[in-house]
């Protein structure tokens, strides 16, 4: 059985994960304004798995902004 290779540029993937880990560390220190999605994810999953999920979310956001050629508009916090 063949192994599954990682797709895409490894340097960009690494930077997204480093950024996601920075966000998670910041959210743990400043828990009063934590993103509800990230808070629920961290309650259910290990930190590295949550970082990969957050990096994926960041990558999809960056891709959407780049392809639509629009300015990013963050959703207001509930």
PDB file of N, CA and C in Angstrom:
ATOM      1  N   UNK A   1       0.856  -1.174   0.000  1.00  0.00           N
ATOM      2  CA  UNK A   1       0.000   0.000   0.000  1.00  0.00           C
ATOM      3  C   UNK A   1       0.903   1.239   0.000  1.00  0.00           C
ATOM      4  N   UNK A   2       0.616   2.206  -0.838  1.00  0.00           N
ATOM      5  CA  UNK A   2       1.423   3.422  -0.949  1.00  0.00           C
ATOM      6  C   UNK A   2       1.072   4.400   0.169  1.00  0.00           C
ATOM      7  N   UNK A   3       2.046   5.207   0.540  1.00  0.00           N
ATOM      8  CA  UNK A   3       1.800   6.218   1.576  1.00  0.00           C
ATOM      9  C   UNK A   3       1.183   7.464   0.942  1.00  0.00           C
ATOM     10  N   UNK A   4       0.535   8.256   1.754  1.00  0.00           N
ATOM     11  CA  UNK A   4      -0.099   9.488   1.293  1.00  0.00           C
ATOM     12  C   UNK A   4       0.908  10.619   1.438  1.00  0.00           C
ATOM     13  N   UNK A   5       1.178  11.318   0.347  1.00  0.00           N
ATOM     14  CA  UNK A   5       2.131  12.423   0.414  1.00  0.00           C
ATOM     15  C   UNK A   5       1.404  13.722   0.735  1.00  0.00           C
ATOM     16  N   UNK A   6       2.124  14.653   1.337  1.00  0.00           N
ATOM     17  CA  UNK A   6       1.554  15.966   1.632  1.00  0.00           C
ATOM     18  C   UNK A   6       1.609  16.794   0.358  1.00  0.00           C
ATOM     19  N   UNK A   7       0.552  17.478   0.068  1.00  0.00           N
ATOM     20  CA  UNK A   7       0.477  18.295  -1.133  1.00  0.00           C
ATOM     21  C   UNK A   7       0.822  19.735  -0.799  1.00  0.00           C
ATOM     22  N   UNK A   8       1.261  20.483  -1.775  1.00  0.00           N
ATOM     23  CA  UNK A   8       1.498  21.907  -1.588  1.00  0.00           C
ATOM     24  C   UNK A   8       2.914  22.228  -1.166  1.00  0.00           C
ATOM     25  N   UNK A   9       3.148  23.494  -0.948  1.00  0.00           N
ATOM     26  CA  UNK A   9       4.473  23.964  -0.573  1.00  0.00           C
ATOM     27  C   UNK A   9       4.689  23.774   0.925  1.00  0.00           C
ATOM     28  N   UNK A  10       5.759  23.087   1.267  1.00  0.00           N
ATOM     29  CA  UNK A  10       5.999  22.777   2.677  1.00  0.00           C
ATOM     30  C   UNK A  10       6.319  24.027   3.490  1.00  0.00           C
ATOM     31  N   UNK A  11       6.973  25.022   2.881  1.00  0.00           N
ATOM     32  CA  UNK A  11       7.315  26.225   3.644  1.00  0.00           C
ATOM     33  C   UNK A  11       6.074  27.024   4.009  1.00  0.00           C
ATOM     34  N   UNK A  12       5.125  27.121   3.100  1.00  0.00           N
ATOM     35  CA  UNK A  12       3.881  27.839   3.398  1.00  0.00           C
ATOM     36  C   UNK A  12       3.057  27.072   4.430  1.00  0.00           C
ATOM     37  N   UNK A  13       3.023  25.747   4.279  1.00  0.00           N
ATOM     38  CA  UNK A  13       2.292  24.915   5.240  1.00  0.00           C
ATOM     39  C   UNK A  13       2.904  25.073   6.636  1.00  0.00           C
ATOM     40  N   UNK A  14       4.228  25.081   6.716  1.00  0.00           N
ATOM     41  CA  UNK A  14       4.911  25.239   7.999  1.00  0.00           C
ATOM     42  C   UNK A  14       4.592  26.599   8.616  1.00  0.00           C
ATOM     43  N   UNK A  15       4.605  27.660   7.809  1.00  0.00           N
ATOM     44  CA  UNK A  15       4.299  28.996   8.320  1.00  0.00           C
ATOM     45  C   UNK A  15       2.865  29.098   8.821  1.00  0.00           C
ATOM     46  N   UNK A  16       1.930  28.453   8.135  1.00  0.00           N
ATOM     47  CA  UNK A  16       0.537  28.463   8.592  1.00  0.00           C
ATOM     48  C   UNK A  16       0.400  27.761   9.945  1.00  0.00           C
ATOM     49  N   UNK A  17       1.116  26.661  10.119  1.00  0.00           N
ATOM     50  CA  UNK A  17       1.043  25.931  11.384  1.00  0.00           C
ATOM     51  C   UNK A  17       1.704  26.730  12.502  1.00  0.00           C
ATOM     52  N   UNK A  18       2.830  27.376  12.212  1.00  0.00           N
ATOM     53  CA  UNK A  18       3.482  28.224  13.216  1.00  0.00           C
ATOM     54  C   UNK A  18       2.555  29.362  13.623  1.00  0.00           C
ATOM     55  N   UNK A  19       1.889  29.973  12.653  1.00  0.00           N
ATOM     56  CA  UNK A  19       0.933  31.040  12.955  1.00  0.00           C
ATOM     57  C   UNK A  19      -0.238  30.538  13.775  1.00  0.00           C
ATOM     58  N   UNK A  20      -0.725  29.343  13.452  1.00  0.00           N
ATOM     59  CA  UNK A  20      -1.840  28.772  14.206  1.00  0.00           C
ATOM     60  C   UNK A  20      -1.431  28.473  15.644  1.00  0.00           C
ATOM     61  N   UNK A  21      -0.210  27.974  15.841  1.00  0.00           N
ATOM     62  CA  UNK A  21       0.264  27.717  17.203  1.00  0.00           C
ATOM     63  C   UNK A  21       0.398  29.019  17.990  1.00  0.00           C
ATOM     64  N   UNK A  22       0.812  30.087  17.323  1.00  0.00           N
ATOM     65  CA  UNK A  22       0.909  31.385  17.989  1.00  0.00           C
ATOM     66  C   UNK A  22      -0.473  31.875  18.418  1.00  0.00           C
ATOM     67  N   UNK A  23      -1.464  31.681  17.557  1.00  0.00           N
ATOM     68  CA  UNK A  23      -2.837  32.079  17.895  1.00  0.00           C
ATOM     69  C   UNK A  23      -3.336  31.262  19.083  1.00  0.00           C
ATOM     70  N   UNK A  24      -3.063  29.974  19.098  1.00  0.00           N
ATOM     71  CA  UNK A  24      -3.514  29.120  20.197  1.00  0.00           C
ATOM     72  C   UNK A  24      -2.848  29.532  21.500  1.00  0.00           C
ATOM     73  N   UNK A  25      -1.532  29.804  21.467  1.00  0.00           N
ATOM     74  CA  UNK A  25      -0.856  30.251  22.690  1.00  0.00           C
ATOM     75  C   UNK A  25      -1.445  31.559  23.179  1.00  0.00           C
ATOM     76  N   UNK A  26      -1.744  32.479  22.270  1.00  0.00           N
ATOM     77  CA  UNK A  26      -2.326  33.764  22.643  1.00  0.00           C
ATOM     78  C   UNK A  26      -3.727  33.572  23.215  1.00  0.00           C
ATOM     79  N   UNK A  27      -4.523  32.725  22.599  1.00  0.00           N
ATOM     80  CA  UNK A  27      -5.888  32.467  23.068  1.00  0.00           C
ATOM     81  C   UNK A  27      -5.883  31.834  24.461  1.00  0.00           C
ATOM     82  N   UNK A  28      -4.901  30.973  24.740  1.00  0.00           N
ATOM     83  CA  UNK A  28      -4.835  30.355  26.070  1.00  0.00           C
ATOM     84  C   UNK A  28      -4.503  31.387  27.133  1.00  0.00           C
ATOM     85  N   UNK A  29      -3.676  32.387  26.793  1.00  0.00           N
ATOM     86  CA  UNK A  29      -3.338  33.435  27.767  1.00  0.00           C
ATOM     87  C   UNK A  29      -4.474  34.422  27.936  1.00  0.00           C
ATOM     88  N   UNK A  30      -5.178  34.736  26.869  1.00  0.00           N
ATOM     89  CA  UNK A  30      -6.256  35.728  26.888  1.00  0.00           C
ATOM     90  C   UNK A  30      -7.590  35.014  26.670  1.00  0.00           C
ATOM     91  N   UNK A  31      -7.957  34.156  27.595  1.00  0.00           N
ATOM     92  CA  UNK A  31      -9.128  33.296  27.422  1.00  0.00           C
ATOM     93  C   UNK A  31     -10.444  34.062  27.404  1.00  0.00           C
ATOM     94  N   UNK A  32     -10.471  35.295  27.901  1.00  0.00           N
ATOM     95  CA  UNK A  32     -11.742  36.014  27.964  1.00  0.00           C
ATOM     96  C   UNK A  32     -12.264  36.419  26.578  1.00  0.00           C
ATOM     97  N   UNK A  33     -11.400  36.540  25.578  1.00  0.00           N
ATOM     98  CA  UNK A  33     -11.867  36.920  24.249  1.00  0.00           C
ATOM     99  C   UNK A  33     -11.569  35.828  23.221  1.00  0.00           C
ATOM    100  N   UNK A  34     -11.547  34.591  23.665  1.00  0.00           N
ATOM    101  CA  UNK A  34     -11.222  33.476  22.779  1.00  0.00           C
ATOM    102  C   UNK A  34     -12.325  33.255  21.751  1.00  0.00           C
ATOM    103  N   UNK A  35     -11.906  32.828  20.572  1.00  0.00           N
ATOM    104  CA  UNK A  35     -12.838  32.478  19.505  1.00  0.00           C
ATOM    105  C   UNK A  35     -13.620  31.231  19.949  1.00  0.00           C
ATOM    106  N   UNK A  36     -14.949  31.279  19.919  1.00  0.00           N
ATOM    107  CA  UNK A  36     -15.736  30.125  20.393  1.00  0.00           C
ATOM    108  C   UNK A  36     -15.423  28.842  19.621  1.00  0.00           C
ATOM    109  N   UNK A  37     -15.204  28.945  18.300  1.00  0.00           N
ATOM    110  CA  UNK A  37     -14.882  27.772  17.500  1.00  0.00           C
ATOM    111  C   UNK A  37     -13.576  27.139  17.992  1.00  0.00           C
ATOM    112  N   UNK A  38     -12.577  27.976  18.204  1.00  0.00           N
ATOM    113  CA  UNK A  38     -11.275  27.476  18.650  1.00  0.00           C
ATOM    114  C   UNK A  38     -11.357  26.937  20.072  1.00  0.00           C
ATOM    115  N   UNK A  39     -12.122  27.593  20.905  1.00  0.00           N
ATOM    116  CA  UNK A  39     -12.284  27.147  22.294  1.00  0.00           C
ATOM    117  C   UNK A  39     -12.901  25.743  22.345  1.00  0.00           C
ATOM    118  N   UNK A  40     -13.947  25.514  21.551  1.00  0.00           N
ATOM    119  CA  UNK A  40     -14.579  24.189  21.504  1.00  0.00           C
ATOM    120  C   UNK A  40     -13.630  23.142  20.940  1.00  0.00           C
ATOM    121  N   UNK A  41     -12.868  23.536  19.918  1.00  0.00           N
ATOM    122  CA  UNK A  41     -11.930  22.611  19.297  1.00  0.00           C
ATOM    123  C   UNK A  41     -10.834  22.197  20.282  1.00  0.00           C
ATOM    124  N   UNK A  42     -10.303  23.155  21.022  1.00  0.00           N
ATOM    125  CA  UNK A  42      -9.256  22.855  22.001  1.00  0.00           C
ATOM    126  C   UNK A  42      -9.781  21.997  23.152  1.00  0.00           C
ATOM    127  N   UNK A  43     -11.061  22.097  23.442  1.00  0.00           N
ATOM    128  CA  UNK A  43     -11.646  21.268  24.495  1.00  0.00           C
ATOM    129  C   UNK A  43     -11.752  19.805  24.056  1.00  0.00           C
ATOM    130  N   UNK A  44     -11.896  19.582  22.740  1.00  0.00           N
ATOM    131  CA  UNK A  44     -12.092  18.229  22.216  1.00  0.00           C
ATOM    132  C   UNK A  44     -10.830  17.560  21.699  1.00  0.00           C
ATOM    133  N   UNK A  45      -9.883  18.347  21.181  1.00  0.00           N
ATOM    134  CA  UNK A  45      -8.742  17.792  20.456  1.00  0.00           C
ATOM    135  C   UNK A  45      -7.417  18.205  21.082  1.00  0.00           C
ATOM    136  N   UNK A  46      -6.363  17.439  20.805  1.00  0.00           N
ATOM    137  CA  UNK A  46      -5.022  17.846  21.245  1.00  0.00           C
ATOM    138  C   UNK A  46      -4.602  19.159  20.560  1.00  0.00           C
ATOM    139  N   UNK A  47      -3.638  19.852  21.151  1.00  0.00           N
ATOM    140  CA  UNK A  47      -3.247  21.175  20.659  1.00  0.00           C
ATOM    141  C   UNK A  47      -2.747  21.124  19.219  1.00  0.00           C
ATOM    142  N   UNK A  48      -1.931  20.132  18.871  1.00  0.00           N
ATOM    143  CA  UNK A  48      -1.387  20.089  17.512  1.00  0.00           C
ATOM    144  C   UNK A  48      -2.481  19.826  16.480  1.00  0.00           C
ATOM    145  N   UNK A  49      -3.438  18.996  16.813  1.00  0.00           N
ATOM    146  CA  UNK A  49      -4.553  18.728  15.898  1.00  0.00           C
ATOM    147  C   UNK A  49      -5.380  20.008  15.711  1.00  0.00           C
ATOM    148  N   UNK A  50      -5.598  20.737  16.800  1.00  0.00           N
ATOM    149  CA  UNK A  50      -6.323  22.004  16.710  1.00  0.00           C
ATOM    150  C   UNK A  50      -5.538  23.020  15.880  1.00  0.00           C
ATOM    151  N   UNK A  51      -4.207  23.013  16.012  1.00  0.00           N
ATOM    152  CA  UNK A  51      -3.382  23.928  15.231  1.00  0.00           C
ATOM    153  C   UNK A  51      -3.478  23.612  13.746  1.00  0.00           C
ATOM    154  N   UNK A  52      -3.511  22.346  13.386  1.00  0.00           N
ATOM    155  CA  UNK A  52      -3.643  21.955  11.978  1.00  0.00           C
ATOM    156  C   UNK A  52      -5.005  22.389  11.446  1.00  0.00           C
ATOM    157  N   UNK A  53      -6.043  22.216  12.247  1.00  0.00           N
ATOM    158  CA  UNK A  53      -7.385  22.640  11.828  1.00  0.00           C
ATOM    159  C   UNK A  53      -7.448  24.156  11.653  1.00  0.00           C
ATOM    160  N   UNK A  54      -6.834  24.890  12.563  1.00  0.00           N
ATOM    161  CA  UNK A  54      -6.810  26.346  12.456  1.00  0.00           C
ATOM    162  C   UNK A  54      -5.988  26.786  11.254  1.00  0.00           C
ATOM    163  N   UNK A  55      -4.860  26.123  10.997  1.00  0.00           N
ATOM    164  CA  UNK A  55      -4.047  26.442   9.822  1.00  0.00           C
ATOM    165  C   UNK A  55      -4.835  26.192   8.543  1.00  0.00           C
ATOM    166  N   UNK A  56      -5.616  25.128   8.516  1.00  0.00           N
ATOM    167  CA  UNK A  56      -6.466  24.832   7.360  1.00  0.00           C
ATOM    168  C   UNK A  56      -7.499  25.940   7.172  1.00  0.00           C
ATOM    169  N   UNK A  57      -8.097  26.382   8.266  1.00  0.00           N
ATOM    170  CA  UNK A  57      -9.094  27.455   8.198  1.00  0.00           C
ATOM    171  C   UNK A  57      -8.451  28.754   7.701  1.00  0.00           C
ATOM    172  N   UNK A  58      -7.241  29.047   8.195  1.00  0.00           N
ATOM    173  CA  UNK A  58      -6.522  30.229   7.742  1.00  0.00           C
ATOM    174  C   UNK A  58      -6.196  30.145   6.254  1.00  0.00           C
ATOM    175  N   UNK A  59      -5.750  28.981   5.809  1.00  0.00           N
ATOM    176  CA  UNK A  59      -5.408  28.800   4.396  1.00  0.00           C
ATOM    177  C   UNK A  59      -6.636  28.986   3.504  1.00  0.00           C
ATOM    178  N   UNK A  60      -7.766  28.449   3.930  1.00  0.00           N
ATOM    179  CA  UNK A  60      -8.992  28.613   3.132  1.00  0.00           C
ATOM    180  C   UNK A  60      -9.425  30.073   3.088  1.00  0.00           C
ATOM    181  N   UNK A  61      -9.246  30.801   4.197  1.00  0.00           N
ATOM    182  CA  UNK A  61      -9.587  32.220   4.232  1.00  0.00           C
ATOM    183  C   UNK A  61      -8.680  33.020   3.313  1.00  0.00           C
ATOM    184  N   UNK A  62      -7.382  32.748   3.382  1.00  0.00           N
ATOM    185  CA  UNK A  62      -6.425  33.438   2.515  1.00  0.00           C
ATOM    186  C   UNK A  62      -6.729  33.153   1.050  1.00  0.00           C
ATOM    187  N   UNK A  63      -7.025  31.899   0.732  1.00  0.00           N
ATOM    188  CA  UNK A  63      -7.339  31.534  -0.652  1.00  0.00           C
ATOM    189  C   UNK A  63      -8.593  32.268  -1.135  1.00  0.00           C
ATOM    190  N   UNK A  64      -9.625  32.329  -0.304  1.00  0.00           N
ATOM    191  CA  UNK A  64     -10.868  32.992  -0.696  1.00  0.00           C
ATOM    192  C   UNK A  64     -10.652  34.489  -0.922  1.00  0.00           C
ATOM    193  N   UNK A  65      -9.896  35.118  -0.053  1.00  0.00           N
ATOM    194  CA  UNK A  65      -9.626  36.551  -0.202  1.00  0.00           C
ATOM    195  C   UNK A  65      -8.801  36.800  -1.469  1.00  0.00           C
ATOM    196  N   UNK A  66      -7.821  35.934  -1.723  1.00  0.00           N
ATOM    197  CA  UNK A  66      -6.953  36.115  -2.891  1.00  0.00           C
ATOM    198  C   UNK A  66      -7.699  35.885  -4.195  1.00  0.00           C
ATOM    199  N   UNK A  67      -8.565  34.882  -4.241  1.00  0.00           N
ATOM    200  CA  UNK A  67      -9.254  34.589  -5.502  1.00  0.00           C
ATOM    201  C   UNK A  67     -10.367  35.579  -5.796  1.00  0.00           C
ATOM    202  N   UNK A  68     -10.998  36.098  -4.759  1.00  0.00           N
ATOM    203  CA  UNK A  68     -12.061  37.087  -4.973  1.00  0.00           C
ATOM    204  C   UNK A  68     -11.513  38.497  -5.092  1.00  0.00           C
ATOM    205  N   UNK A  69     -10.233  38.683  -4.770  1.00  0.00           N
ATOM    206  CA  UNK A  69      -9.556  39.973  -4.823  1.00  0.00           C
ATOM    207  C   UNK A  69     -10.337  41.045  -4.062  1.00  0.00           C
ATOM    208  N   UNK A  70     -10.688  40.698  -2.840  1.00  0.00           N
ATOM    209  CA  UNK A  70     -11.414  41.607  -1.960  1.00  0.00           C
ATOM    210  C   UNK A  70     -10.616  41.840  -0.692  1.00  0.00           C
ATOM    211  N   UNK A  71     -11.014  42.833   0.057  1.00  0.00           N
ATOM    212  CA  UNK A  71     -10.423  43.121   1.361  1.00  0.00           C
ATOM    213  C   UNK A  71     -11.084  42.191   2.378  1.00  0.00           C
ATOM    214  N   UNK A  72     -10.277  41.621   3.271  1.00  0.00           N
ATOM    215  CA  UNK A  72     -10.810  40.723   4.291  1.00  0.00           C
ATOM    216  C   UNK A  72     -11.674  41.498   5.275  1.00  0.00           C
ATOM    217  N   UNK A  73     -12.859  40.972   5.523  1.00  0.00           N
ATOM    218  CA  UNK A  73     -13.765  41.563   6.513  1.00  0.00           C
ATOM    219  C   UNK A  73     -14.020  40.495   7.574  1.00  0.00           C
ATOM    220  N   UNK A  74     -13.482  40.721   8.760  1.00  0.00           N
ATOM    221  CA  UNK A  74     -13.649  39.760   9.850  1.00  0.00           C
ATOM    222  C   UNK A  74     -15.088  39.774  10.332  1.00  0.00           C
ATOM    223  N   UNK A  75     -15.571  38.600  10.738  1.00  0.00           N
ATOM    224  CA  UNK A  75     -16.910  38.509  11.304  1.00  0.00           C
ATOM    225  C   UNK A  75     -16.889  39.112  12.691  1.00  0.00           C
ATOM    226  N   UNK A  76     -17.889  39.914  13.048  1.00  0.00           N
ATOM    227  CA  UNK A  76     -17.911  40.490  14.391  1.00  0.00           C
ATOM    228  C   UNK A  76     -18.082  39.402  15.443  1.00  0.00           C
ATOM    229  N   UNK A  77     -17.394  39.566  16.566  1.00  0.00           N
ATOM    230  CA  UNK A  77     -17.501  38.600  17.659  1.00  0.00           C
ATOM    231  C   UNK A  77     -18.883  38.640  18.273  1.00  0.00           C
ATOM    232  N   UNK A  78     -19.415  37.463  18.582  1.00  0.00           N
ATOM    233  CA  UNK A  78     -20.760  37.388  19.162  1.00  0.00           C
ATOM    234  C   UNK A  78     -20.753  37.740  20.622  1.00  0.00           C
TER     235      UNK A  78
END
